Amino acid sequence: MPAPHTASSKNGMAGAALVLGVISLSTSIVFLGGLLGVIGLVLGAVALKTAGRTGTGQVAAITGMVTSVLAIAVSVLVAVFFVWYANKTQGCYQPDGFQQYKQCVRQHLTGK
């Protein structure tokens, strides 16, 4: 009969890394995910080291690290896109009206 798991034998950091990784991936489009992803990546690395000693939480730690890295990558890509878009359409930021803004953006992006 296997020994029952106690609360001290679980790797809580692995669970925290997993939760932060999933939350950071789901919020990466609004830049918050990048910051949470960095925290999740650090927690995942610490949890993976702990999992090597205790033998618990390795899958959760790796999953948390992978989702955190993906969240960081998505946040960086979104930031690059926003900078590119703002640079490409900077001549359109005049408070004349939304229709004129849409037309100006279309002209800047398509060249027509």
N, C-alpha and C. Protein backbone atom coordinates (compact mmCIF):
# COMPACT_ATOMS: atom_id res chain seq x y z
N MET A 1 0.84 -1.17 0.00
CA MET A 1 0.00 0.00 0.00
C MET A 1 0.89 1.24 0.00
N PRO A 2 0.67 2.20 -0.95
CA PRO A 2 1.51 3.39 -1.02
C PRO A 2 1.28 4.30 0.20
N ALA A 3 2.33 4.99 0.55
CA ALA A 3 2.25 5.91 1.68
C ALA A 3 1.42 7.13 1.28
N PRO A 4 0.57 7.62 2.16
CA PRO A 4 -0.23 8.81 1.83
C PRO A 4 0.67 10.04 1.70
N HIS A 5 0.31 10.90 0.77
CA HIS A 5 1.07 12.14 0.60
C HIS A 5 0.70 13.13 1.68
N THR A 6 1.69 13.76 2.22
CA THR A 6 1.44 14.82 3.20
C THR A 6 1.61 16.16 2.52
N ALA A 7 1.17 17.19 3.17
CA ALA A 7 1.27 18.53 2.59
C ALA A 7 2.72 18.93 2.38
N SER A 8 3.63 18.44 3.21
CA SER A 8 5.03 18.83 3.09
C SER A 8 5.73 18.13 1.93
N SER A 9 5.16 17.04 1.39
CA SER A 9 5.81 16.34 0.30
C SER A 9 5.43 16.90 -1.07
N LYS A 10 4.52 17.84 -1.13
CA LYS A 10 4.11 18.43 -2.40
C LYS A 10 4.98 19.63 -2.72
N ASN A 11 5.13 19.89 -4.00
CA ASN A 11 5.94 21.00 -4.47
C ASN A 11 4.99 22.17 -4.80
N GLY A 12 4.75 23.03 -3.82
CA GLY A 12 3.83 24.15 -3.98
C GLY A 12 4.28 25.16 -5.02
N MET A 13 5.59 25.31 -5.18
CA MET A 13 6.10 26.25 -6.17
C MET A 13 5.79 25.77 -7.59
N ALA A 14 5.77 24.46 -7.78
CA ALA A 14 5.43 23.93 -9.10
C ALA A 14 3.99 24.27 -9.44
N GLY A 15 3.11 24.13 -8.49
CA GLY A 15 1.70 24.51 -8.71
C GLY A 15 1.55 25.99 -8.97
N ALA A 16 2.30 26.80 -8.22
CA ALA A 16 2.24 28.25 -8.42
C ALA A 16 2.79 28.62 -9.80
N ALA A 17 3.86 27.96 -10.22
CA ALA A 17 4.43 28.23 -11.55
C ALA A 17 3.43 27.85 -12.64
N LEU A 18 2.75 26.74 -12.45
CA LEU A 18 1.75 26.30 -13.43
C LEU A 18 0.60 27.30 -13.52
N VAL A 19 0.09 27.72 -12.38
CA VAL A 19 -1.01 28.68 -12.36
C VAL A 19 -0.57 30.01 -12.97
N LEU A 20 0.61 30.50 -12.59
CA LEU A 20 1.10 31.75 -13.16
C LEU A 20 1.34 31.63 -14.66
N GLY A 21 1.83 30.47 -15.09
CA GLY A 21 2.06 30.27 -16.51
C GLY A 21 0.78 30.34 -17.31
N VAL A 22 -0.26 29.70 -16.82
CA VAL A 22 -1.55 29.70 -17.52
C VAL A 22 -2.16 31.10 -17.51
N ILE A 23 -2.13 31.76 -16.36
CA ILE A 23 -2.68 33.12 -16.27
C ILE A 23 -1.88 34.08 -17.14
N SER A 24 -0.57 33.95 -17.12
CA SER A 24 0.26 34.85 -17.93
C SER A 24 0.02 34.64 -19.42
N LEU A 25 -0.18 33.39 -19.83
CA LEU A 25 -0.46 33.14 -21.24
C LEU A 25 -1.81 33.73 -21.65
N SER A 26 -2.78 33.64 -20.77
CA SER A 26 -4.11 34.18 -21.11
C SER A 26 -4.16 35.70 -21.04
N THR A 27 -3.22 36.34 -20.37
CA THR A 27 -3.20 37.80 -20.29
C THR A 27 -2.03 38.42 -21.04
N SER A 28 -1.33 37.61 -21.83
CA SER A 28 -0.14 38.12 -22.50
C SER A 28 -0.44 39.16 -23.56
N ILE A 29 -1.64 39.19 -24.07
CA ILE A 29 -1.98 40.16 -25.11
C ILE A 29 -2.12 41.57 -24.53
N VAL A 30 -2.28 41.69 -23.23
CA VAL A 30 -2.39 43.01 -22.60
C VAL A 30 -1.15 43.34 -21.76
N PHE A 31 -0.03 42.74 -22.11
CA PHE A 31 1.28 42.99 -21.52
C PHE A 31 1.44 42.53 -20.07
N LEU A 32 0.37 42.35 -19.34
CA LEU A 32 0.47 41.87 -17.96
C LEU A 32 1.06 40.47 -17.95
N GLY A 33 0.76 39.72 -18.97
CA GLY A 33 1.25 38.35 -19.07
C GLY A 33 2.75 38.25 -19.13
N GLY A 34 3.40 39.23 -19.71
CA GLY A 34 4.86 39.21 -19.77
C GLY A 34 5.49 39.27 -18.39
N LEU A 35 4.98 40.15 -17.57
CA LEU A 35 5.49 40.26 -16.19
C LEU A 35 5.18 39.00 -15.39
N LEU A 36 3.93 38.53 -15.48
CA LEU A 36 3.58 37.30 -14.78
C LEU A 36 4.37 36.11 -15.32
N GLY A 37 4.66 36.13 -16.61
CA GLY A 37 5.45 35.07 -17.21
C GLY A 37 6.86 35.01 -16.66
N VAL A 38 7.45 36.16 -16.42
CA VAL A 38 8.80 36.19 -15.84
C VAL A 38 8.77 35.60 -14.43
N ILE A 39 7.77 35.98 -13.66
CA ILE A 39 7.64 35.44 -12.30
C ILE A 39 7.38 33.94 -12.35
N GLY A 40 6.51 33.50 -13.26
CA GLY A 40 6.22 32.08 -13.41
C GLY A 40 7.44 31.30 -13.85
N LEU A 41 8.26 31.88 -14.72
CA LEU A 41 9.49 31.22 -15.18
C LEU A 41 10.48 31.03 -14.04
N VAL A 42 10.63 32.05 -13.21
CA VAL A 42 11.53 31.95 -12.06
C VAL A 42 11.01 30.91 -11.07
N LEU A 43 9.72 30.97 -10.77
CA LEU A 43 9.15 29.97 -9.86
C LEU A 43 9.27 28.56 -10.43
N GLY A 44 9.07 28.42 -11.73
CA GLY A 44 9.19 27.11 -12.37
C GLY A 44 10.60 26.56 -12.28
N ALA A 45 11.59 27.44 -12.46
CA ALA A 45 12.99 26.99 -12.36
C ALA A 45 13.32 26.54 -10.94
N VAL A 46 12.86 27.29 -9.96
CA VAL A 46 13.09 26.91 -8.56
C VAL A 46 12.35 25.61 -8.25
N ALA A 47 11.12 25.50 -8.74
CA ALA A 47 10.33 24.29 -8.50
C ALA A 47 10.95 23.07 -9.18
N LEU A 48 11.54 23.26 -10.34
CA LEU A 48 12.19 22.15 -11.04
C LEU A 48 13.42 21.66 -10.27
N LYS A 49 14.12 22.60 -9.70
CA LYS A 49 15.28 22.23 -8.86
C LYS A 49 14.80 21.47 -7.62
N THR A 50 13.72 21.95 -7.02
CA THR A 50 13.15 21.27 -5.86
C THR A 50 12.63 19.89 -6.24
N ALA A 51 12.03 19.79 -7.43
CA ALA A 51 11.49 18.50 -7.89
C ALA A 51 12.61 17.48 -8.06
N GLY A 52 13.79 17.94 -8.41
CA GLY A 52 14.93 17.03 -8.53
C GLY A 52 15.30 16.41 -7.20
N ARG A 53 15.11 17.15 -6.12
CA ARG A 53 15.43 16.63 -4.78
C ARG A 53 14.30 15.80 -4.20
N THR A 54 13.06 16.29 -4.38
CA THR A 54 11.93 15.63 -3.73
C THR A 54 11.22 14.62 -4.62
N GLY A 55 11.34 14.78 -5.92
CA GLY A 55 10.68 13.87 -6.84
C GLY A 55 9.22 14.21 -7.11
N THR A 56 8.75 15.36 -6.67
CA THR A 56 7.36 15.75 -6.91
C THR A 56 7.29 17.10 -7.62
N GLY A 57 6.36 17.22 -8.52
CA GLY A 57 6.09 18.50 -9.17
C GLY A 57 6.87 18.78 -10.43
N GLN A 58 7.57 17.80 -10.96
CA GLN A 58 8.40 18.05 -12.14
C GLN A 58 7.55 18.43 -13.36
N VAL A 59 6.47 17.71 -13.60
CA VAL A 59 5.62 18.00 -14.76
C VAL A 59 4.97 19.38 -14.63
N ALA A 60 4.48 19.71 -13.47
CA ALA A 60 3.86 21.01 -13.25
C ALA A 60 4.87 22.14 -13.42
N ALA A 61 6.09 21.92 -12.93
CA ALA A 61 7.13 22.95 -13.05
C ALA A 61 7.50 23.18 -14.51
N ILE A 62 7.66 22.10 -15.27
CA ILE A 62 8.01 22.23 -16.68
C ILE A 62 6.87 22.88 -17.46
N THR A 63 5.64 22.48 -17.18
CA THR A 63 4.49 23.06 -17.85
C THR A 63 4.37 24.55 -17.53
N GLY A 64 4.60 24.91 -16.28
CA GLY A 64 4.58 26.32 -15.89
C GLY A 64 5.66 27.12 -16.59
N MET A 65 6.84 26.53 -16.74
CA MET A 65 7.93 27.22 -17.42
C MET A 65 7.63 27.40 -18.91
N VAL A 66 7.09 26.36 -19.54
CA VAL A 66 6.77 26.44 -20.97
C VAL A 66 5.69 27.48 -21.23
N THR A 67 4.63 27.46 -20.45
CA THR A 67 3.56 28.45 -20.65
C THR A 67 4.05 29.86 -20.33
N SER A 68 4.94 29.99 -19.38
CA SER A 68 5.50 31.31 -19.06
C SER A 68 6.36 31.84 -20.19
N VAL A 69 7.17 30.98 -20.79
CA VAL A 69 8.00 31.39 -21.93
C VAL A 69 7.12 31.79 -23.11
N LEU A 70 6.08 31.02 -23.35
CA LEU A 70 5.15 31.37 -24.43
C LEU A 70 4.48 32.72 -24.16
N ALA A 71 4.10 32.97 -22.91
CA ALA A 71 3.47 34.24 -22.56
C ALA A 71 4.43 35.41 -22.76
N ILE A 72 5.69 35.21 -22.40
CA ILE A 72 6.69 36.27 -22.60
C ILE A 72 6.85 36.54 -24.09
N ALA A 73 6.92 35.48 -24.88
CA ALA A 73 7.08 35.64 -26.33
C ALA A 73 5.88 36.35 -26.95
N VAL A 74 4.68 35.98 -26.55
CA VAL A 74 3.48 36.64 -27.08
C VAL A 74 3.47 38.11 -26.67
N SER A 75 3.82 38.41 -25.43
CA SER A 75 3.85 39.81 -24.97
C SER A 75 4.86 40.63 -25.77
N VAL A 76 6.02 40.05 -26.05
CA VAL A 76 7.03 40.76 -26.84
C VAL A 76 6.51 40.99 -28.26
N LEU A 77 5.90 39.98 -28.86
CA LEU A 77 5.36 40.14 -30.21
C LEU A 77 4.26 41.19 -30.27
N VAL A 78 3.40 41.21 -29.27
CA VAL A 78 2.34 42.22 -29.22
C VAL A 78 2.95 43.61 -29.06
N ALA A 79 3.95 43.75 -28.23
CA ALA A 79 4.61 45.05 -28.05
C ALA A 79 5.26 45.52 -29.35
N VAL A 80 5.93 44.60 -30.05
CA VAL A 80 6.56 44.95 -31.33
C VAL A 80 5.49 45.39 -32.34
N PHE A 81 4.37 44.66 -32.37
CA PHE A 81 3.29 45.03 -33.29
C PHE A 81 2.75 46.42 -32.96
N PHE A 82 2.52 46.70 -31.68
CA PHE A 82 1.98 48.02 -31.31
C PHE A 82 2.94 49.14 -31.66
N VAL A 83 4.24 48.92 -31.46
CA VAL A 83 5.22 49.94 -31.82
C VAL A 83 5.23 50.14 -33.33
N TRP A 84 5.20 49.03 -34.10
CA TRP A 84 5.16 49.13 -35.55
C TRP A 84 3.91 49.88 -36.01
N TYR A 85 2.75 49.50 -35.45
CA TYR A 85 1.48 50.13 -35.84
C TYR A 85 1.49 51.61 -35.50
N ALA A 86 1.95 51.97 -34.32
CA ALA A 86 1.98 53.38 -33.92
C ALA A 86 2.92 54.18 -34.81
N ASN A 87 4.05 53.59 -35.16
CA ASN A 87 5.00 54.27 -36.03
C ASN A 87 4.42 54.44 -37.44
N LYS A 88 3.75 53.42 -37.92
CA LYS A 88 3.20 53.44 -39.28
C LYS A 88 2.03 54.43 -39.40
N THR A 89 1.27 54.63 -38.34
CA THR A 89 0.06 55.45 -38.40
C THR A 89 0.16 56.73 -37.55
N GLN A 90 1.35 57.18 -37.24
CA GLN A 90 1.48 58.33 -36.34
C GLN A 90 0.92 59.62 -36.92
N GLY A 91 0.82 59.71 -38.22
CA GLY A 91 0.23 60.90 -38.82
C GLY A 91 -1.28 60.95 -38.73
N CYS A 92 -1.90 59.90 -38.22
CA CYS A 92 -3.36 59.82 -38.17
C CYS A 92 -3.95 60.21 -36.82
N TYR A 93 -3.14 60.59 -35.88
CA TYR A 93 -3.65 60.84 -34.53
C TYR A 93 -4.10 62.28 -34.38
N GLN A 94 -5.20 62.60 -35.07
CA GLN A 94 -5.80 63.91 -34.98
C GLN A 94 -7.25 63.71 -34.56
N PRO A 95 -7.75 64.55 -33.69
CA PRO A 95 -9.12 64.36 -33.17
C PRO A 95 -10.21 64.85 -34.12
N ASP A 96 -10.09 64.57 -35.42
CA ASP A 96 -11.09 65.04 -36.39
C ASP A 96 -12.29 64.12 -36.49
N GLY A 97 -12.17 62.89 -36.08
CA GLY A 97 -13.28 61.96 -36.17
C GLY A 97 -12.79 60.56 -36.48
N PHE A 98 -13.59 59.60 -36.10
CA PHE A 98 -13.20 58.20 -36.26
C PHE A 98 -13.14 57.79 -37.73
N GLN A 99 -14.04 58.28 -38.55
CA GLN A 99 -14.04 57.93 -39.97
C GLN A 99 -12.75 58.39 -40.64
N GLN A 100 -12.35 59.63 -40.35
CA GLN A 100 -11.10 60.14 -40.92
C GLN A 100 -9.90 59.34 -40.42
N TYR A 101 -9.95 58.94 -39.16
CA TYR A 101 -8.87 58.13 -38.59
C TYR A 101 -8.77 56.79 -39.33
N LYS A 102 -9.91 56.13 -39.53
CA LYS A 102 -9.92 54.84 -40.23
C LYS A 102 -9.38 55.00 -41.66
N GLN A 103 -9.79 56.05 -42.34
CA GLN A 103 -9.33 56.28 -43.70
C GLN A 103 -7.82 56.55 -43.72
N CYS A 104 -7.35 57.33 -42.79
CA CYS A 104 -5.93 57.65 -42.71
C CYS A 104 -5.11 56.39 -42.43
N VAL A 105 -5.57 55.57 -41.49
CA VAL A 105 -4.86 54.33 -41.17
C VAL A 105 -4.82 53.41 -42.39
N ARG A 106 -5.93 53.29 -43.07
CA ARG A 106 -5.99 52.45 -44.28
C ARG A 106 -4.98 52.95 -45.30
N GLN A 107 -4.88 54.27 -45.49
CA GLN A 107 -3.94 54.82 -46.44
C GLN A 107 -2.50 54.53 -46.04
N HIS A 108 -2.21 54.67 -44.75
CA HIS A 108 -0.83 54.45 -44.29
C HIS A 108 -0.43 52.98 -44.36
N LEU A 109 -1.37 52.09 -44.09
CA LEU A 109 -1.03 50.66 -44.06
C LEU A 109 -1.01 50.04 -45.45
N THR A 110 -1.90 50.48 -46.33
CA THR A 110 -1.96 49.86 -47.66
C THR A 110 -1.26 50.69 -48.72
N GLY A 111 -1.01 51.94 -48.46
CA GLY A 111 -0.36 52.81 -49.43
C GLY A 111 -1.33 53.35 -50.48
N LYS A 112 -2.63 53.14 -50.30
CA LYS A 112 -3.63 53.61 -51.27
C LYS A 112 -4.33 54.85 -50.78
